[in-house]
Structure formats: C-alpha cells, structure tokens
Amino acid sequence: EDDPDQMDWEDRQAFNKIYINKLSINDQILKSHVIDSLGSPDLTEARQVEDGTIQVMFYRTQHQKSDGITTKDECTPMLFKNGQLIAWGAGAYEKFTQY
C-alpha cells in the first residue's frame, strides 16, 4: 500500500491528485477514510455551525513555488460536514466560508 507520509512531495502531490480525481459524491466518504488514505492535510480550518461541525482540509495537488511553504492556492480543498465529505474542489472553500 502507498503511504503518503513516506513519499517525497512530488509523489505525494501526484498521489493526492489521483485519489481526489477518483472521488464520487455518492460514495459517502468519511473524514477518517480520507486521512487514512492521504495522511494529514497540508492545511485545515474548522468551525461549529448550528447543526454540527464544518471542516475544510487542504491537500496539495498543484505545486507552484519552491519556497517550502504550502499555500491554499496549491491545494484542493475537501469540505466535511459532521465528518462526511460533502464537496471538494474550488467551490468547497467558498461553501465553507458561507457557513
């Protein structure tokens, strides 16, 4: 099995992109499954909302600048509500900010 924590950044980024591209919203994916598959996110934000918890996790999928810092624009956001994946891609972070 692939272990993202043991990969160099280029392999991990490619692995993240392949994994995310294979996702289907009908799969009912849990946050714990994503972390088990991709490892810890590069960045994350969370907040309490009226009906639970909303969290966005960012995984790097498009390296832009070799400065040792991963930024949101180099990542694909994955949005979870109460631990369930509900959106990913460019609109996921926008949706997170609207909660």
Protein backbone atom coordinates (compact mmCIF):
# COMPACT_ATOMS: atom_id res chain seq x y z
CA GLU A 1 0.00 0.00 0.00
CA ASP A 2 1.06 3.55 -0.64
CA ASP A 3 1.99 5.56 2.44
CA PRO A 4 1.74 9.31 1.78
CA ASP A 5 3.84 10.09 4.86
CA GLN A 6 6.79 8.22 3.30
CA MET A 7 6.54 9.85 -0.15
CA ASP A 8 8.56 12.79 -1.37
CA TRP A 9 6.46 15.89 -2.07
CA GLU A 10 6.19 15.27 -5.82
CA ASP A 11 4.91 11.71 -5.41
CA ARG A 12 2.54 12.73 -2.62
CA GLN A 13 1.12 15.57 -4.70
CA ALA A 14 0.54 13.21 -7.65
CA PHE A 15 -1.00 10.61 -5.31
CA ASN A 16 -3.33 13.24 -3.80
CA LYS A 17 -4.46 14.36 -7.24
CA ILE A 18 -5.18 10.81 -8.44
CA TYR A 19 -7.10 9.97 -5.25
CA ILE A 20 -9.20 13.15 -5.39
CA ASN A 21 -9.94 12.72 -9.10
CA LYS A 22 -11.42 9.27 -8.39
CA LEU A 23 -13.88 10.52 -5.75
CA SER A 24 -17.62 10.30 -6.24
CA ILE A 25 -20.08 12.24 -4.11
CA ASN A 26 -22.24 9.11 -3.96
CA ASP A 27 -19.50 7.19 -2.10
CA GLN A 28 -20.34 8.74 1.31
CA ILE A 29 -16.70 9.24 2.24
CA LEU A 30 -15.75 9.89 5.85
CA LYS A 31 -13.03 12.26 7.01
CA SER A 32 -11.26 9.37 8.74
CA HIS A 33 -11.08 7.47 5.42
CA VAL A 34 -9.51 10.48 3.67
CA ILE A 35 -6.92 10.88 6.42
CA ASP A 36 -6.18 7.14 6.33
CA SER A 37 -5.71 7.34 2.55
CA LEU A 38 -3.96 10.71 2.12
CA GLY A 39 -2.38 11.28 5.51
CA SER A 40 -2.64 14.53 7.44
CA PRO A 41 -3.87 17.51 5.43
CA ASP A 42 -1.44 20.26 4.46
CA LEU A 43 -3.81 22.90 5.89
CA THR A 44 -7.15 22.74 7.67
CA GLU A 45 -9.86 25.03 9.04
CA ALA A 46 -12.95 24.16 11.07
CA ARG A 47 -15.88 25.78 12.82
CA GLN A 48 -19.00 24.93 14.73
CA VAL A 49 -22.26 25.56 12.89
CA GLU A 50 -25.84 25.33 14.06
CA ASP A 51 -26.21 21.67 13.10
CA GLY A 52 -22.71 20.35 13.82
CA THR A 53 -19.14 20.85 12.66
CA ILE A 54 -17.86 22.01 9.30
CA GLN A 55 -14.21 21.42 8.34
CA VAL A 56 -12.18 22.05 5.24
CA MET A 57 -8.95 20.14 4.70
CA PHE A 58 -6.46 21.15 2.02
CA TYR A 59 -4.26 18.64 0.18
CA ARG A 60 -1.56 19.91 -2.15
CA THR A 61 -2.24 18.96 -5.76
CA GLN A 62 -0.60 21.76 -7.77
CA HIS A 63 2.86 22.91 -6.67
CA GLN A 64 3.56 26.48 -7.74
CA LYS A 65 6.58 27.90 -5.92
CA SER A 66 9.53 26.13 -4.27
CA ASP A 67 9.60 28.18 -1.10
CA GLY A 68 9.00 25.43 1.46
CA ILE A 69 5.51 26.75 2.25
CA THR A 70 2.28 25.15 1.08
CA THR A 71 -0.49 27.65 0.38
CA LYS A 72 -4.20 27.18 -0.26
CA ASP A 73 -3.81 28.00 -3.96
CA GLU A 74 -1.54 24.94 -4.29
CA CYS A 75 -4.16 22.67 -2.74
CA THR A 76 -7.52 21.08 -3.39
CA PRO A 77 -9.96 21.80 -0.55
CA MET A 78 -12.12 18.97 0.77
CA LEU A 79 -15.20 20.01 2.76
CA PHE A 80 -16.67 17.85 5.52
CA LYS A 81 -19.84 18.32 7.49
CA ASN A 82 -20.04 16.25 10.66
CA GLY A 83 -17.22 14.07 9.32
CA GLN A 84 -18.85 13.36 5.93
CA LEU A 85 -17.30 14.62 2.68
CA ILE A 86 -19.81 16.97 1.05
CA ALA A 87 -17.72 18.88 -1.51
CA TRP A 88 -14.23 19.24 -2.92
CA GLY A 89 -12.50 21.45 -5.43
CA ALA A 90 -12.60 25.20 -5.99
CA GLY A 91 -16.17 25.69 -4.73
CA ALA A 92 -15.60 23.76 -1.49
CA TYR A 93 -13.71 26.53 0.27
CA GLU A 94 -16.21 29.14 -0.89
CA LYS A 95 -19.00 26.97 0.52
CA PHE A 96 -17.07 26.65 3.80
CA THR A 97 -16.81 30.43 4.13
CA GLN A 98 -20.58 30.75 3.64
CA TYR A 99 -21.42 28.62 6.68
